[in-house]
Amino acid sequence: MDPVVIQTMLETMMGQYTWWFIGGAGALFFKSAIENFVSGLVFYYGSDYNVDDEVYIGGTKKARIVRQTFSKTVFYVVNTNRRLIVQNRVLNTMGIEKVLPTEHPERE
């Protein structure tokens, strides 16, 4: 086979598949950042947790949600007076329980 034909074939294939390769490599390289961002979107828009909510982490640590971003959530742990910064992708595994209000409107 003629070397010019082989070179032309390789250049044509590289032109077609280079962007797919770059996109795939970028997705693998930034996989954790993408996962964290998507988890942050789900937690931020699709949950019942808001800033200043009182929660229990793991059923034992009383905390308050101080800040929610797309990549992390910041808690203030009441008993230890410490900040706990958690990546959003691990929030589902922490066993977070929201403290419900104690006052209930009277029902008729």
Protein backbone atom coordinates (compact mmCIF):
# COMPACT_ATOMS: atom_id res chain seq x y z
CA MET A 1 0.00 0.00 0.00
CA ASP A 2 1.18 3.50 -0.80
CA PRO A 3 2.48 5.44 2.25
CA VAL A 4 0.63 8.57 1.11
CA VAL A 5 -2.67 6.66 1.11
CA ILE A 6 -1.98 5.33 4.61
CA GLN A 7 -1.09 8.81 5.85
CA THR A 8 -4.27 10.25 4.32
CA MET A 9 -6.38 7.47 5.93
CA LEU A 10 -4.81 8.10 9.35
CA GLU A 11 -5.31 11.86 9.08
CA THR A 12 -8.97 11.35 8.12
CA MET A 13 -9.58 8.95 11.03
CA MET A 14 -7.77 11.20 13.49
CA GLY A 15 -9.85 14.15 12.40
CA GLN A 16 -13.09 12.25 12.94
CA TYR A 17 -12.29 10.58 16.24
CA THR A 18 -9.95 13.04 17.94
CA TRP A 19 -12.77 15.02 19.60
CA TRP A 20 -14.38 11.78 20.84
CA PHE A 21 -11.06 10.74 22.34
CA ILE A 22 -10.47 14.13 23.97
CA GLY A 23 -14.00 14.16 25.37
CA GLY A 24 -13.68 10.63 26.77
CA ALA A 25 -10.29 11.35 28.30
CA GLY A 26 -11.62 14.57 29.83
CA ALA A 27 -14.65 12.76 31.27
CA LEU A 28 -12.39 10.15 32.87
CA PHE A 29 -9.98 12.79 34.15
CA PHE A 30 -12.75 14.94 35.67
CA LYS A 31 -15.00 12.04 36.72
CA SER A 32 -15.04 12.85 40.43
CA ALA A 33 -15.61 16.55 39.79
CA ILE A 34 -18.52 15.74 37.48
CA GLU A 35 -19.99 13.29 40.02
CA ASN A 36 -19.65 15.83 42.79
CA PHE A 37 -21.27 18.57 40.70
CA VAL A 38 -24.24 16.37 39.75
CA SER A 39 -24.68 15.25 43.37
CA GLY A 40 -24.58 18.88 44.40
CA LEU A 41 -27.30 19.76 41.92
CA VAL A 42 -29.48 16.93 43.18
CA PHE A 43 -28.90 17.85 46.83
CA TYR A 44 -29.32 21.59 46.21
CA TYR A 45 -32.47 21.46 44.09
CA GLY A 46 -34.03 18.10 44.89
CA SER A 47 -33.86 17.75 48.64
CA ASP A 48 -35.72 18.99 51.64
CA TYR A 49 -32.60 20.39 53.28
CA ASN A 50 -32.01 24.14 53.43
CA VAL A 51 -29.42 26.41 54.97
CA ASP A 52 -29.99 26.80 58.76
CA ASP A 53 -31.79 23.46 59.06
CA GLU A 54 -30.95 21.45 62.16
CA VAL A 55 -29.96 17.87 61.34
CA TYR A 56 -28.51 14.81 63.00
CA ILE A 57 -25.55 13.21 61.24
CA GLY A 58 -25.41 9.47 61.75
CA GLY A 59 -28.13 9.76 64.40
CA THR A 60 -25.72 11.14 67.01
CA LYS A 61 -24.12 14.43 65.95
CA LYS A 62 -26.43 17.43 66.10
CA ALA A 63 -25.50 19.93 63.41
CA ARG A 64 -26.78 22.89 61.47
CA ILE A 65 -26.37 23.35 57.72
CA VAL A 66 -24.33 26.51 57.26
CA ARG A 67 -23.70 26.54 53.50
CA GLN A 68 -24.70 24.52 50.45
CA THR A 69 -22.83 24.77 47.18
CA PHE A 70 -22.72 22.58 44.11
CA SER A 71 -19.57 20.83 45.30
CA LYS A 72 -19.76 20.75 49.09
CA THR A 73 -22.00 21.23 52.10
CA VAL A 74 -20.78 22.84 55.32
CA PHE A 75 -22.21 21.80 58.69
CA TYR A 76 -21.69 23.39 62.10
CA VAL A 77 -21.54 20.56 64.66
CA VAL A 78 -23.18 21.86 67.84
CA ASN A 79 -21.60 19.59 70.48
CA THR A 80 -18.00 20.14 69.37
CA ASN A 81 -18.21 23.71 68.01
CA ARG A 82 -16.54 22.56 64.78
CA ARG A 83 -17.21 22.91 61.09
CA LEU A 84 -17.69 19.77 59.02
CA ILE A 85 -17.14 20.15 55.28
CA VAL A 86 -18.51 17.27 53.21
CA GLN A 87 -18.33 16.61 49.48
CA ASN A 88 -21.87 16.31 48.13
CA ARG A 89 -21.30 12.89 46.59
CA VAL A 90 -20.99 11.31 50.07
CA LEU A 91 -24.03 12.97 51.65
CA ASN A 92 -26.31 10.02 50.83
CA THR A 93 -24.11 7.66 52.85
CA MET A 94 -23.97 9.84 55.98
CA GLY A 95 -27.46 9.14 57.32
CA ILE A 96 -28.60 12.75 57.69
CA GLU A 97 -31.86 13.21 59.61
CA LYS A 98 -33.71 16.52 59.60
CA VAL A 99 -35.14 17.88 62.85
CA LEU A 100 -38.81 18.63 62.30
CA PRO A 101 -40.50 21.66 63.85
CA THR A 102 -42.18 20.91 67.19
CA GLU A 103 -45.11 23.24 66.72
CA HIS A 104 -47.93 21.76 64.69
CA PRO A 105 -50.86 23.80 63.45
CA GLU A 106 -54.08 22.71 65.04
CA ARG A 107 -56.26 20.56 62.86
CA GLU A 108 -59.98 20.89 62.78
